[in-house]
Amino acid sequence: MANYSSKINKIRTFALSLIFIGFIVMYAGIFFRSSPLIMTIFMILGLLFIVASTIIYFWIGMLSTRSIQVKCPNCGKPTKMLGKVDMCMYCREPLTLDRKLEGQEFDESFNKKSRK
């Protein structure tokens, strides 16, 4: 079985990594103190990474309000679902709301509209 995680957690992890990348880029700018232009470019680039992270966090927050909250049959904890199939945020149990997909091997491509 592949290493799956819930879609919401994947997006949050990506946004968190953007924050760290932004700080690293800004920190790298300190090494160019002798050239204010290069240092400023690094600082602005790092700031853009952090702003992008903020936008992504806002976007996933808005998606979370529209997600469906279900009770995981495996661990019993409430978890949020995006799309037809998703994973439990806690125990990574495959979840689906589509009766036709019950019992099938978990595949994230079930969420794509072009899949037949």
PDB file of N, CA and C in Angstrom:
ATOM      1  N   MET A   1       0.847  -1.182   0.000  1.00  0.00           N
ATOM      2  CA  MET A   1       0.000   0.000   0.000  1.00  0.00           C
ATOM      3  C   MET A   1       0.890   1.241   0.000  1.00  0.00           C
ATOM      4  N   ALA A   2       0.530   2.205  -0.797  1.00  0.00           N
ATOM      5  CA  ALA A   2       1.301   3.446  -0.884  1.00  0.00           C
ATOM      6  C   ALA A   2       1.120   4.272   0.383  1.00  0.00           C
ATOM      7  N   ASN A   3       1.979   5.246   0.554  1.00  0.00           N
ATOM      8  CA  ASN A   3       1.923   6.105   1.730  1.00  0.00           C
ATOM      9  C   ASN A   3       0.975   7.269   1.454  1.00  0.00           C
ATOM     10  N   TYR A   4      -0.266   7.140   1.846  1.00  0.00           N
ATOM     11  CA  TYR A   4      -1.270   8.170   1.642  1.00  0.00           C
ATOM     12  C   TYR A   4      -1.472   8.956   2.917  1.00  0.00           C
ATOM     13  N   SER A   5      -1.931  10.194   2.782  1.00  0.00           N
ATOM     14  CA  SER A   5      -2.356  10.982   3.931  1.00  0.00           C
ATOM     15  C   SER A   5      -3.549  11.813   3.489  1.00  0.00           C
ATOM     16  N   SER A   6      -4.242  12.406   4.430  1.00  0.00           N
ATOM     17  CA  SER A   6      -5.423  13.172   4.058  1.00  0.00           C
ATOM     18  C   SER A   6      -5.016  14.397   3.255  1.00  0.00           C
ATOM     19  N   LYS A   7      -5.918  14.813   2.388  1.00  0.00           N
ATOM     20  CA  LYS A   7      -5.614  15.941   1.505  1.00  0.00           C
ATOM     21  C   LYS A   7      -5.378  17.224   2.295  1.00  0.00           C
ATOM     22  N   ILE A   8      -6.160  17.436   3.324  1.00  0.00           N
ATOM     23  CA  ILE A   8      -6.012  18.642   4.138  1.00  0.00           C
ATOM     24  C   ILE A   8      -4.628  18.668   4.787  1.00  0.00           C
ATOM     25  N   ASN A   9      -4.186  17.539   5.318  1.00  0.00           N
ATOM     26  CA  ASN A   9      -2.862  17.488   5.947  1.00  0.00           C
ATOM     27  C   ASN A   9      -1.741  17.691   4.937  1.00  0.00           C
ATOM     28  N   LYS A  10      -1.906  17.184   3.711  1.00  0.00           N
ATOM     29  CA  LYS A  10      -0.886  17.390   2.676  1.00  0.00           C
ATOM     30  C   LYS A  10      -0.726  18.872   2.365  1.00  0.00           C
ATOM     31  N   ILE A  11      -1.840  19.559   2.222  1.00  0.00           N
ATOM     32  CA  ILE A  11      -1.781  20.986   1.880  1.00  0.00           C
ATOM     33  C   ILE A  11      -1.202  21.787   3.038  1.00  0.00           C
ATOM     34  N   ARG A  12      -1.579  21.448   4.257  1.00  0.00           N
ATOM     35  CA  ARG A  12      -1.021  22.144   5.426  1.00  0.00           C
ATOM     36  C   ARG A  12       0.482  21.912   5.543  1.00  0.00           C
ATOM     37  N   THR A  13       0.933  20.699   5.264  1.00  0.00           N
ATOM     38  CA  THR A  13       2.362  20.402   5.312  1.00  0.00           C
ATOM     39  C   THR A  13       3.108  21.210   4.255  1.00  0.00           C
ATOM     40  N   PHE A  14       2.531  21.327   3.070  1.00  0.00           N
ATOM     41  CA  PHE A  14       3.147  22.123   2.008  1.00  0.00           C
ATOM     42  C   PHE A  14       3.256  23.587   2.437  1.00  0.00           C
ATOM     43  N   ALA A  15       2.188  24.127   3.026  1.00  0.00           N
ATOM     44  CA  ALA A  15       2.211  25.530   3.473  1.00  0.00           C
ATOM     45  C   ALA A  15       3.255  25.734   4.567  1.00  0.00           C
ATOM     46  N   LEU A  16       3.384  24.785   5.481  1.00  0.00           N
ATOM     47  CA  LEU A  16       4.394  24.891   6.531  1.00  0.00           C
ATOM     48  C   LEU A  16       5.800  24.843   5.940  1.00  0.00           C
ATOM     49  N   SER A  17       5.992  23.992   4.938  1.00  0.00           N
ATOM     50  CA  SER A  17       7.318  23.926   4.311  1.00  0.00           C
ATOM     51  C   SER A  17       7.651  25.234   3.599  1.00  0.00           C
ATOM     52  N   LEU A  18       6.645  25.924   3.048  1.00  0.00           N
ATOM     53  CA  LEU A  18       6.900  27.221   2.418  1.00  0.00           C
ATOM     54  C   LEU A  18       7.408  28.246   3.430  1.00  0.00           C
ATOM     55  N   ILE A  19       6.908  28.186   4.649  1.00  0.00           N
ATOM     56  CA  ILE A  19       7.375  29.103   5.688  1.00  0.00           C
ATOM     57  C   ILE A  19       8.863  28.851   5.972  1.00  0.00           C
ATOM     58  N   PHE A  20       9.227  27.580   6.144  1.00  0.00           N
ATOM     59  CA  PHE A  20      10.627  27.263   6.419  1.00  0.00           C
ATOM     60  C   PHE A  20      11.527  27.631   5.244  1.00  0.00           C
ATOM     61  N   ILE A  21      11.057  27.371   4.029  1.00  0.00           N
ATOM     62  CA  ILE A  21      11.839  27.751   2.847  1.00  0.00           C
ATOM     63  C   ILE A  21      12.034  29.261   2.814  1.00  0.00           C
ATOM     64  N   GLY A  22      10.977  30.008   3.142  1.00  0.00           N
ATOM     65  CA  GLY A  22      11.081  31.464   3.180  1.00  0.00           C
ATOM     66  C   GLY A  22      12.106  31.946   4.178  1.00  0.00           C
ATOM     67  N   PHE A  23      12.112  31.346   5.377  1.00  0.00           N
ATOM     68  CA  PHE A  23      13.103  31.735   6.386  1.00  0.00           C
ATOM     69  C   PHE A  23      14.523  31.386   5.938  1.00  0.00           C
ATOM     70  N   ILE A  24      14.691  30.229   5.307  1.00  0.00           N
ATOM     71  CA  ILE A  24      16.021  29.823   4.843  1.00  0.00           C
ATOM     72  C   ILE A  24      16.519  30.771   3.754  1.00  0.00           C
ATOM     73  N   VAL A  25      15.635  31.139   2.827  1.00  0.00           N
ATOM     74  CA  VAL A  25      16.019  32.069   1.764  1.00  0.00           C
ATOM     75  C   VAL A  25      16.389  33.425   2.361  1.00  0.00           C
ATOM     76  N   MET A  26      15.604  33.889   3.336  1.00  0.00           N
ATOM     77  CA  MET A  26      15.920  35.173   3.978  1.00  0.00           C
ATOM     78  C   MET A  26      17.248  35.090   4.730  1.00  0.00           C
ATOM     79  N   TYR A  27      17.472  33.972   5.394  1.00  0.00           N
ATOM     80  CA  TYR A  27      18.727  33.791   6.121  1.00  0.00           C
ATOM     81  C   TYR A  27      19.902  33.774   5.159  1.00  0.00           C
ATOM     82  N   ALA A  28      19.709  33.153   3.988  1.00  0.00           N
ATOM     83  CA  ALA A  28      20.774  33.131   2.978  1.00  0.00           C
ATOM     84  C   ALA A  28      21.112  34.552   2.518  1.00  0.00           C
ATOM     85  N   GLY A  29      20.153  35.447   2.561  1.00  0.00           N
ATOM     86  CA  GLY A  29      20.392  36.833   2.179  1.00  0.00           C
ATOM     87  C   GLY A  29      21.383  37.537   3.078  1.00  0.00           C
ATOM     88  N   ILE A  30      21.505  37.078   4.321  1.00  0.00           N
ATOM     89  CA  ILE A  30      22.447  37.691   5.264  1.00  0.00           C
ATOM     90  C   ILE A  30      23.887  37.510   4.783  1.00  0.00           C
ATOM     91  N   PHE A  31      24.148  36.441   4.062  1.00  0.00           N
ATOM     92  CA  PHE A  31      25.502  36.191   3.575  1.00  0.00           C
ATOM     93  C   PHE A  31      25.914  37.174   2.483  1.00  0.00           C
ATOM     94  N   PHE A  32      24.972  37.949   1.975  1.00  0.00           N
ATOM     95  CA  PHE A  32      25.272  38.924   0.924  1.00  0.00           C
ATOM     96  C   PHE A  32      25.155  40.359   1.449  1.00  0.00           C
ATOM     97  N   ARG A  33      25.555  40.578   2.698  1.00  0.00           N
ATOM     98  CA  ARG A  33      25.481  41.919   3.295  1.00  0.00           C
ATOM     99  C   ARG A  33      26.319  42.943   2.535  1.00  0.00           C
ATOM    100  N   SER A  34      27.339  42.477   1.880  1.00  0.00           N
ATOM    101  CA  SER A  34      28.193  43.416   1.147  1.00  0.00           C
ATOM    102  C   SER A  34      27.495  43.962  -0.104  1.00  0.00           C
ATOM    103  N   SER A  35      26.482  43.254  -0.579  1.00  0.00           N
ATOM    104  CA  SER A  35      25.733  43.705  -1.751  1.00  0.00           C
ATOM    105  C   SER A  35      24.265  43.901  -1.354  1.00  0.00           C
ATOM    106  N   PRO A  36      23.878  45.143  -1.051  1.00  0.00           N
ATOM    107  CA  PRO A  36      22.504  45.391  -0.591  1.00  0.00           C
ATOM    108  C   PRO A  36      21.438  44.952  -1.600  1.00  0.00           C
ATOM    109  N   LEU A  37      21.721  45.017  -2.887  1.00  0.00           N
ATOM    110  CA  LEU A  37      20.729  44.630  -3.889  1.00  0.00           C
ATOM    111  C   LEU A  37      20.436  43.133  -3.821  1.00  0.00           C
ATOM    112  N   ILE A  38      21.487  42.317  -3.773  1.00  0.00           N
ATOM    113  CA  ILE A  38      21.294  40.862  -3.700  1.00  0.00           C
ATOM    114  C   ILE A  38      20.625  40.480  -2.387  1.00  0.00           C
ATOM    115  N   MET A  39      21.060  41.115  -1.284  1.00  0.00           N
ATOM    116  CA  MET A  39      20.457  40.829   0.009  1.00  0.00           C
ATOM    117  C   MET A  39      18.968  41.182  -0.005  1.00  0.00           C
ATOM    118  N   THR A  40      18.623  42.311  -0.599  1.00  0.00           N
ATOM    119  CA  THR A  40      17.220  42.723  -0.671  1.00  0.00           C
ATOM    120  C   THR A  40      16.404  41.749  -1.516  1.00  0.00           C
ATOM    121  N   ILE A  41      16.981  41.256  -2.603  1.00  0.00           N
ATOM    122  CA  ILE A  41      16.272  40.275  -3.439  1.00  0.00           C
ATOM    123  C   ILE A  41      15.978  39.010  -2.648  1.00  0.00           C
ATOM    124  N   PHE A  42      16.971  38.531  -1.898  1.00  0.00           N
ATOM    125  CA  PHE A  42      16.754  37.341  -1.075  1.00  0.00           C
ATOM    126  C   PHE A  42      15.683  37.588  -0.010  1.00  0.00           C
ATOM    127  N   MET A  43      15.710  38.737   0.617  1.00  0.00           N
ATOM    128  CA  MET A  43      14.720  39.054   1.653  1.00  0.00           C
ATOM    129  C   MET A  43      13.306  39.120   1.068  1.00  0.00           C
ATOM    130  N   ILE A  44      13.182  39.758  -0.084  1.00  0.00           N
ATOM    131  CA  ILE A  44      11.862  39.863  -0.714  1.00  0.00           C
ATOM    132  C   ILE A  44      11.385  38.495  -1.192  1.00  0.00           C
ATOM    133  N   LEU A  45      12.280  37.695  -1.749  1.00  0.00           N
ATOM    134  CA  LEU A  45      11.917  36.355  -2.191  1.00  0.00           C
ATOM    135  C   LEU A  45      11.452  35.497  -1.004  1.00  0.00           C
ATOM    136  N   GLY A  46      12.166  35.581   0.106  1.00  0.00           N
ATOM    137  CA  GLY A  46      11.758  34.857   1.311  1.00  0.00           C
ATOM    138  C   GLY A  46      10.410  35.329   1.813  1.00  0.00           C
ATOM    139  N   LEU A  47      10.200  36.636   1.765  1.00  0.00           N
ATOM    140  CA  LEU A  47       8.909  37.180   2.182  1.00  0.00           C
ATOM    141  C   LEU A  47       7.787  36.681   1.278  1.00  0.00           C
ATOM    142  N   LEU A  48       8.056  36.550  -0.019  1.00  0.00           N
ATOM    143  CA  LEU A  48       7.042  36.040  -0.948  1.00  0.00           C
ATOM    144  C   LEU A  48       6.673  34.595  -0.631  1.00  0.00           C
ATOM    145  N   PHE A  49       7.662  33.782  -0.234  1.00  0.00           N
ATOM    146  CA  PHE A  49       7.365  32.411   0.179  1.00  0.00           C
ATOM    147  C   PHE A  49       6.434  32.405   1.391  1.00  0.00           C
ATOM    148  N   ILE A  50       6.698  33.275   2.343  1.00  0.00           N
ATOM    149  CA  ILE A  50       5.878  33.330   3.553  1.00  0.00           C
ATOM    150  C   ILE A  50       4.472  33.847   3.238  1.00  0.00           C
ATOM    151  N   VAL A  51       4.364  34.830   2.359  1.00  0.00           N
ATOM    152  CA  VAL A  51       3.047  35.332   1.946  1.00  0.00           C
ATOM    153  C   VAL A  51       2.276  34.237   1.208  1.00  0.00           C
ATOM    154  N   ALA A  52       2.963  33.468   0.336  1.00  0.00           N
ATOM    155  CA  ALA A  52       2.305  32.360  -0.363  1.00  0.00           C
ATOM    156  C   ALA A  52       1.787  31.327   0.637  1.00  0.00           C
ATOM    157  N   SER A  53       2.564  31.066   1.680  1.00  0.00           N
ATOM    158  CA  SER A  53       2.130  30.131   2.715  1.00  0.00           C
ATOM    159  C   SER A  53       0.875  30.638   3.415  1.00  0.00           C
ATOM    160  N   THR A  54       0.844  31.928   3.700  1.00  0.00           N
ATOM    161  CA  THR A  54      -0.332  32.508   4.354  1.00  0.00           C
ATOM    162  C   THR A  54      -1.563  32.370   3.473  1.00  0.00           C
ATOM    163  N   ILE A  55      -1.405  32.599   2.194  1.00  0.00           N
ATOM    164  CA  ILE A  55      -2.530  32.465   1.262  1.00  0.00           C
ATOM    165  C   ILE A  55      -3.008  31.014   1.208  1.00  0.00           C
ATOM    166  N   ILE A  56      -2.072  30.068   1.188  1.00  0.00           N
ATOM    167  CA  ILE A  56      -2.451  28.658   1.150  1.00  0.00           C
ATOM    168  C   ILE A  56      -3.150  28.247   2.442  1.00  0.00           C
ATOM    169  N   TYR A  57      -2.651  28.727   3.588  1.00  0.00           N
ATOM    170  CA  TYR A  57      -3.325  28.432   4.857  1.00  0.00           C
ATOM    171  C   TYR A  57      -4.747  28.995   4.863  1.00  0.00           C
ATOM    172  N   PHE A  58      -4.936  30.194   4.335  1.00  0.00           N
ATOM    173  CA  PHE A  58      -6.274  30.775   4.251  1.00  0.00           C
ATOM    174  C   PHE A  58      -7.156  29.929   3.340  1.00  0.00           C
ATOM    175  N   TRP A  59      -6.620  29.513   2.193  1.00  0.00           N
ATOM    176  CA  TRP A  59      -7.376  28.715   1.229  1.00  0.00           C
ATOM    177  C   TRP A  59      -7.795  27.377   1.832  1.00  0.00           C
ATOM    178  N   ILE A  60      -6.885  26.673   2.515  1.00  0.00           N
ATOM    179  CA  ILE A  60      -7.236  25.383   3.100  1.00  0.00           C
ATOM    180  C   ILE A  60      -8.207  25.570   4.260  1.00  0.00           C
ATOM    181  N   GLY A  61      -8.118  26.702   4.936  1.00  0.00           N
ATOM    182  CA  GLY A  61      -9.110  26.992   5.975  1.00  0.00           C
ATOM    183  C   GLY A  61     -10.506  27.138   5.395  1.00  0.00           C
ATOM    184  N   MET A  62     -10.597  27.797   4.249  1.00  0.00           N
ATOM    185  CA  MET A  62     -11.887  27.936   3.583  1.00  0.00           C
ATOM    186  C   MET A  62     -12.375  26.581   3.067  1.00  0.00           C
ATOM    187  N   LEU A  63     -11.470  25.752   2.549  1.00  0.00           N
ATOM    188  CA  LEU A  63     -11.857  24.409   2.107  1.00  0.00           C
ATOM    189  C   LEU A  63     -12.331  23.554   3.281  1.00  0.00           C
ATOM    190  N   SER A  64     -11.687  23.720   4.429  1.00  0.00           N
ATOM    191  CA  SER A  64     -12.067  22.930   5.606  1.00  0.00           C
ATOM    192  C   SER A  64     -13.491  23.239   6.059  1.00  0.00           C
ATOM    193  N   THR A  65     -13.935  24.465   5.846  1.00  0.00           N
ATOM    194  CA  THR A  65     -15.301  24.795   6.259  1.00  0.00           C
ATOM    195  C   THR A  65     -16.330  24.127   5.365  1.00  0.00           C
ATOM    196  N   ARG A  66     -15.937  23.789   4.110  1.00  0.00           N
ATOM    197  CA  ARG A  66     -16.856  23.123   3.188  1.00  0.00           C
ATOM    198  C   ARG A  66     -16.702  21.610   3.194  1.00  0.00           C
ATOM    199  N   SER A  67     -15.729  21.095   3.920  1.00  0.00           N
ATOM    200  CA  SER A  67     -15.495  19.653   3.920  1.00  0.00           C
ATOM    201  C   SER A  67     -16.575  18.947   4.732  1.00  0.00           C
ATOM    202  N   ILE A  68     -16.681  17.659   4.488  1.00  0.00           N
ATOM    203  CA  ILE A  68     -17.673  16.836   5.183  1.00  0.00           C
ATOM    204  C   ILE A  68     -16.986  16.177   6.369  1.00  0.00           C
ATOM    205  N   GLN A  69     -17.588  16.321   7.541  1.00  0.00           N
ATOM    206  CA  GLN A  69     -17.008  15.703   8.723  1.00  0.00           C
ATOM    207  C   GLN A  69     -17.679  14.349   8.942  1.00  0.00           C
ATOM    208  N   VAL A  70     -16.860  13.304   9.015  1.00  0.00           N
ATOM    209  CA  VAL A  70     -17.364  11.948   9.223  1.00  0.00           C
ATOM    210  C   VAL A  70     -16.638  11.331  10.413  1.00  0.00           C
ATOM    211  N   LYS A  71     -17.236  10.286  10.950  1.00  0.00           N
ATOM    212  CA  LYS A  71     -16.614   9.545  12.041  1.00  0.00           C
ATOM    213  C   LYS A  71     -15.896   8.352  11.431  1.00  0.00           C
ATOM    214  N   CYS A  72     -14.621   8.237  11.711  1.00  0.00           N
ATOM    215  CA  CYS A  72     -13.813   7.148  11.157  1.00  0.00           C
ATOM    216  C   CYS A  72     -14.282   5.816  11.744  1.00  0.00           C
ATOM    217  N   PRO A  73     -14.558   4.825  10.895  1.00  0.00           N
ATOM    218  CA  PRO A  73     -14.999   3.528  11.417  1.00  0.00           C
ATOM    219  C   PRO A  73     -13.887   2.760  12.137  1.00  0.00           C
ATOM    220  N   ASN A  74     -12.632   3.104  11.871  1.00  0.00           N
ATOM    221  CA  ASN A  74     -11.507   2.390  12.480  1.00  0.00           C
ATOM    222  C   ASN A  74     -11.156   2.936  13.861  1.00  0.00           C
ATOM    223  N   CYS A  75     -10.898   4.271  13.953  1.00  0.00           N
ATOM    224  CA  CYS A  75     -10.457   4.843  15.234  1.00  0.00           C
ATOM    225  C   CYS A  75     -11.584   5.557  15.976  1.00  0.00           C
ATOM    226  N   GLY A  76     -12.693   5.846  15.309  1.00  0.00           N
ATOM    227  CA  GLY A  76     -13.841   6.476  15.952  1.00  0.00           C
ATOM    228  C   GLY A  76     -13.727   7.981  16.116  1.00  0.00           C
ATOM    229  N   LYS A  77     -12.655   8.591  15.611  1.00  0.00           N
ATOM    230  CA  LYS A  77     -12.485  10.041  15.746  1.00  0.00           C
ATOM    231  C   LYS A  77     -13.126  10.761  14.566  1.00  0.00           C
ATOM    232  N   PRO A  78     -13.635  11.957  14.803  1.00  0.00           N
ATOM    233  CA  PRO A  78     -14.184  12.726  13.676  1.00  0.00           C
ATOM    234  C   PRO A  78     -13.051  13.234  12.783  1.00  0.00           C
ATOM    235  N   THR A  79     -13.222  13.107  11.488  1.00  0.00           N
ATOM    236  CA  THR A  79     -12.219  13.545  10.516  1.00  0.00           C
ATOM    237  C   THR A  79     -12.924  14.238   9.359  1.00  0.00           C
ATOM    238  N   LYS A  80     -12.199  15.075   8.648  1.00  0.00           N
ATOM    239  CA  LYS A  80     -12.777  15.820   7.535  1.00  0.00           C
ATOM    240  C   LYS A  80     -12.398  15.148   6.222  1.00  0.00           C
ATOM    241  N   MET A  81     -13.359  15.131   5.296  1.00  0.00           N
ATOM    242  CA  MET A  81     -13.139  14.536   3.980  1.00  0.00           C
ATOM    243  C   MET A  81     -13.280  15.583   2.900  1.00  0.00           C
ATOM    244  N   LEU A  82     -12.370  15.553   1.932  1.00  0.00           N
ATOM    245  CA  LEU A  82     -12.476  16.353   0.722  1.00  0.00           C
ATOM    246  C   LEU A  82     -12.567  15.387  -0.452  1.00  0.00           C
ATOM    247  N   GLY A  83     -13.586  15.498  -1.279  1.00  0.00           N
ATOM    248  CA  GLY A  83     -13.735  14.639  -2.448  1.00  0.00           C
ATOM    249  C   GLY A  83     -14.450  13.341  -2.131  1.00  0.00           C
ATOM    250  N   LYS A  84     -14.438  12.417  -3.116  1.00  0.00           N
ATOM    251  CA  LYS A  84     -15.108  11.123  -2.956  1.00  0.00           C
ATOM    252  C   LYS A  84     -14.366  10.199  -2.009  1.00  0.00           C
ATOM    253  N   VAL A  85     -13.036  10.227  -2.077  1.00  0.00           N
ATOM    254  CA  VAL A  85     -12.218   9.381  -1.207  1.00  0.00           C
ATOM    255  C   VAL A  85     -11.177  10.242  -0.508  1.00  0.00           C
ATOM    256  N   ASP A  86     -10.859   9.863   0.701  1.00  0.00           N
ATOM    257  CA  ASP A  86      -9.841  10.546   1.487  1.00  0.00           C
ATOM    258  C   ASP A  86      -9.366   9.584   2.558  1.00  0.00           C
ATOM    259  N   MET A  87      -8.364  10.004   3.308  1.00  0.00           N
ATOM    260  CA  MET A  87      -7.844   9.194   4.404  1.00  0.00           C
ATOM    261  C   MET A  87      -8.217   9.846   5.731  1.00  0.00           C
ATOM    262  N   CYS A  88      -8.351   9.013   6.763  1.00  0.00           N
ATOM    263  CA  CYS A  88      -8.569   9.532   8.106  1.00  0.00           C
ATOM    264  C   CYS A  88      -7.321  10.321   8.511  1.00  0.00           C
ATOM    265  N   MET A  89      -7.520  11.471   9.144  1.00  0.00           N
ATOM    266  CA  MET A  89      -6.395  12.309   9.553  1.00  0.00           C
ATOM    267  C   MET A  89      -5.568  11.663  10.665  1.00  0.00           C
ATOM    268  N   TYR A  90      -6.144  10.708  11.363  1.00  0.00           N
ATOM    269  CA  TYR A  90      -5.489  10.150  12.541  1.00  0.00           C
ATOM    270  C   TYR A  90      -4.892   8.764  12.283  1.00  0.00           C
ATOM    271  N   CYS A  91      -5.692   7.849  11.728  1.00  0.00           N
ATOM    272  CA  CYS A  91      -5.219   6.465  11.559  1.00  0.00           C
ATOM    273  C   CYS A  91      -4.983   6.089  10.102  1.00  0.00           C
ATOM    274  N   ARG A  92      -5.226   7.017   9.169  1.00  0.00           N
ATOM    275  CA  ARG A  92      -5.018   6.823   7.729  1.00  0.00           C
ATOM    276  C   ARG A  92      -5.863   5.707   7.145  1.00  0.00           C
ATOM    277  N   GLU A  93      -7.039   5.505   7.701  1.00  0.00           N
ATOM    278  CA  GLU A  93      -8.007   4.550   7.155  1.00  0.00           C
ATOM    279  C   GLU A  93      -8.607   5.152   5.884  1.00  0.00           C
ATOM    280  N   PRO A  94      -8.679   4.384   4.782  1.00  0.00           N
ATOM    281  CA  PRO A  94      -9.330   4.902   3.575  1.00  0.00           C
ATOM    282  C   PRO A  94     -10.820   5.119   3.825  1.00  0.00           C
ATOM    283  N   LEU A  95     -11.315   6.267   3.426  1.00  0.00           N
ATOM    284  CA  LEU A  95     -12.725   6.610   3.620  1.00  0.00           C
ATOM    285  C   LEU A  95     -13.345   6.976   2.282  1.00  0.00           C
ATOM    286  N   THR A  96     -14.613   6.640   2.110  1.00  0.00           N
ATOM    287  CA  THR A  96     -15.348   7.035   0.918  1.00  0.00           C
ATOM    288  C   THR A  96     -16.806   7.273   1.274  1.00  0.00           C
ATOM    289  N   LEU A  97     -17.440   8.152   0.520  1.00  0.00           N
ATOM    290  CA  LEU A  97     -18.869   8.391   0.669  1.00  0.00           C
ATOM    291  C   LEU A  97     -19.650   7.773  -0.487  1.00  0.00           C
ATOM    292  N   ASP A  98     -18.942   7.247  -1.484  1.00  0.00           N
ATOM    293  CA  ASP A  98     -19.546   6.665  -2.674  1.00  0.00           C
ATOM    294  C   ASP A  98     -19.705   5.159  -2.466  1.00  0.00           C
ATOM    295  N   ARG A  99     -20.933   4.687  -2.458  1.00  0.00           N
ATOM    296  CA  ARG A  99     -21.204   3.257  -2.212  1.00  0.00           C
ATOM    297  C   ARG A  99     -20.564   2.362  -3.284  1.00  0.00           C
ATOM    298  N   LYS A 100     -20.414   2.869  -4.508  1.00  0.00           N
ATOM    299  CA  LYS A 100     -19.818   2.067  -5.591  1.00  0.00           C
ATOM    300  C   LYS A 100     -18.330   1.816  -5.348  1.00  0.00           C
ATOM    301  N   LEU A 101     -17.683   2.654  -4.552  1.00  0.00           N
ATOM    302  CA  LEU A 101     -16.243   2.520  -4.307  1.00  0.00           C
ATOM    303  C   LEU A 101     -15.925   1.716  -3.051  1.00  0.00           C
ATOM    304  N   GLU A 102     -16.935   1.359  -2.275  1.00  0.00           N
ATOM    305  CA  GLU A 102     -16.684   0.602  -1.044  1.00  0.00           C
ATOM    306  C   GLU A 102     -16.094  -0.757  -1.374  1.00  0.00           C
ATOM    307  N   GLY A 103     -15.083  -1.138  -0.647  1.00  0.00           N
ATOM    308  CA  GLY A 103     -14.435  -2.426  -0.828  1.00  0.00           C
ATOM    309  C   GLY A 103     -13.353  -2.441  -1.886  1.00  0.00           C
ATOM    310  N   GLN A 104     -13.237  -1.389  -2.687  1.00  0.00           N
ATOM    311  CA  GLN A 104     -12.186  -1.330  -3.703  1.00  0.00           C
ATOM    312  C   GLN A 104     -10.890  -0.844  -3.073  1.00  0.00           C
ATOM    313  N   GLU A 105      -9.771  -1.186  -3.719  1.00  0.00           N
ATOM    314  CA  GLU A 105      -8.461  -0.722  -3.262  1.00  0.00           C
ATOM    315  C   GLU A 105      -8.423   0.802  -3.343  1.00  0.00           C
ATOM    316  N   PHE A 106      -7.907   1.457  -2.309  1.00  0.00           N
ATOM    317  CA  PHE A 106      -7.874   2.916  -2.258  1.00  0.00           C
ATOM    318  C   PHE A 106      -6.997   3.472  -3.373  1.00  0.00           C
ATOM    319  N   ASP A 107      -7.535   4.453  -4.086  1.00  0.00           N
ATOM    320  CA  ASP A 107      -6.791   5.107  -5.158  1.00  0.00           C
ATOM    321  C   ASP A 107      -7.234   6.563  -5.197  1.00  0.00           C
ATOM    322  N   GLU A 108      -6.270   7.488  -5.082  1.00  0.00           N
ATOM    323  CA  GLU A 108      -6.612   8.911  -5.081  1.00  0.00           C
ATOM    324  C   GLU A 108      -7.189   9.381  -6.410  1.00  0.00           C
ATOM    325  N   SER A 109      -7.013   8.591  -7.475  1.00  0.00           N
ATOM    326  CA  SER A 109      -7.561   8.992  -8.773  1.00  0.00           C
ATOM    327  C   SER A 109      -9.082   8.897  -8.803  1.00  0.00           C
ATOM    328  N   PHE A 110      -9.706   8.305  -7.787  1.00  0.00           N
ATOM    329  CA  PHE A 110     -11.170   8.259  -7.721  1.00  0.00           C
ATOM    330  C   PHE A 110     -11.755   9.664  -7.621  1.00  0.00           C
ATOM    331  N   ASN A 111     -10.968  10.631  -7.147  1.00  0.00           N
ATOM    332  CA  ASN A 111     -11.453  12.001  -7.001  1.00  0.00           C
ATOM    333  C   ASN A 111     -11.435  12.768  -8.318  1.00  0.00           C
ATOM    334  N   LYS A 112     -10.731  12.261  -9.322  1.00  0.00           N
ATOM    335  CA  LYS A 112     -10.644  12.960 -10.607  1.00  0.00           C
ATOM    336  C   LYS A 112     -11.911  12.751 -11.406  1.00  0.00           C
ATOM    337  N   LYS A 113     -12.424  13.827 -11.982  1.00  0.00           N
ATOM    338  CA  LYS A 113     -13.661  13.748 -12.746  1.00  0.00           C
ATOM    339  C   LYS A 113     -13.497  12.994 -14.053  1.00  0.00           C
ATOM    340  N   SER A 114     -12.286  12.988 -14.621  1.00  0.00           N
ATOM    341  CA  SER A 114     -12.065  12.322 -15.915  1.00  0.00           C
ATOM    342  C   SER A 114     -11.976  10.807 -15.793  1.00  0.00           C
ATOM    343  N   ARG A 115     -11.860  10.280 -14.578  1.00  0.00           N
ATOM    344  CA  ARG A 115     -11.749   8.826 -14.376  1.00  0.00           C
ATOM    345  C   ARG A 115     -13.084   8.182 -14.611  1.00  0.00           C
ATOM    346  N   LYS A 116     -13.099   7.080 -15.333  1.00  0.00           N
ATOM    347  CA  LYS A 116     -14.370   6.399 -15.629  1.00  0.00           C
ATOM    348  C   LYS A 116     -14.441   5.095 -14.916  1.00  0.00           C
TER     349      LYS A 116
END
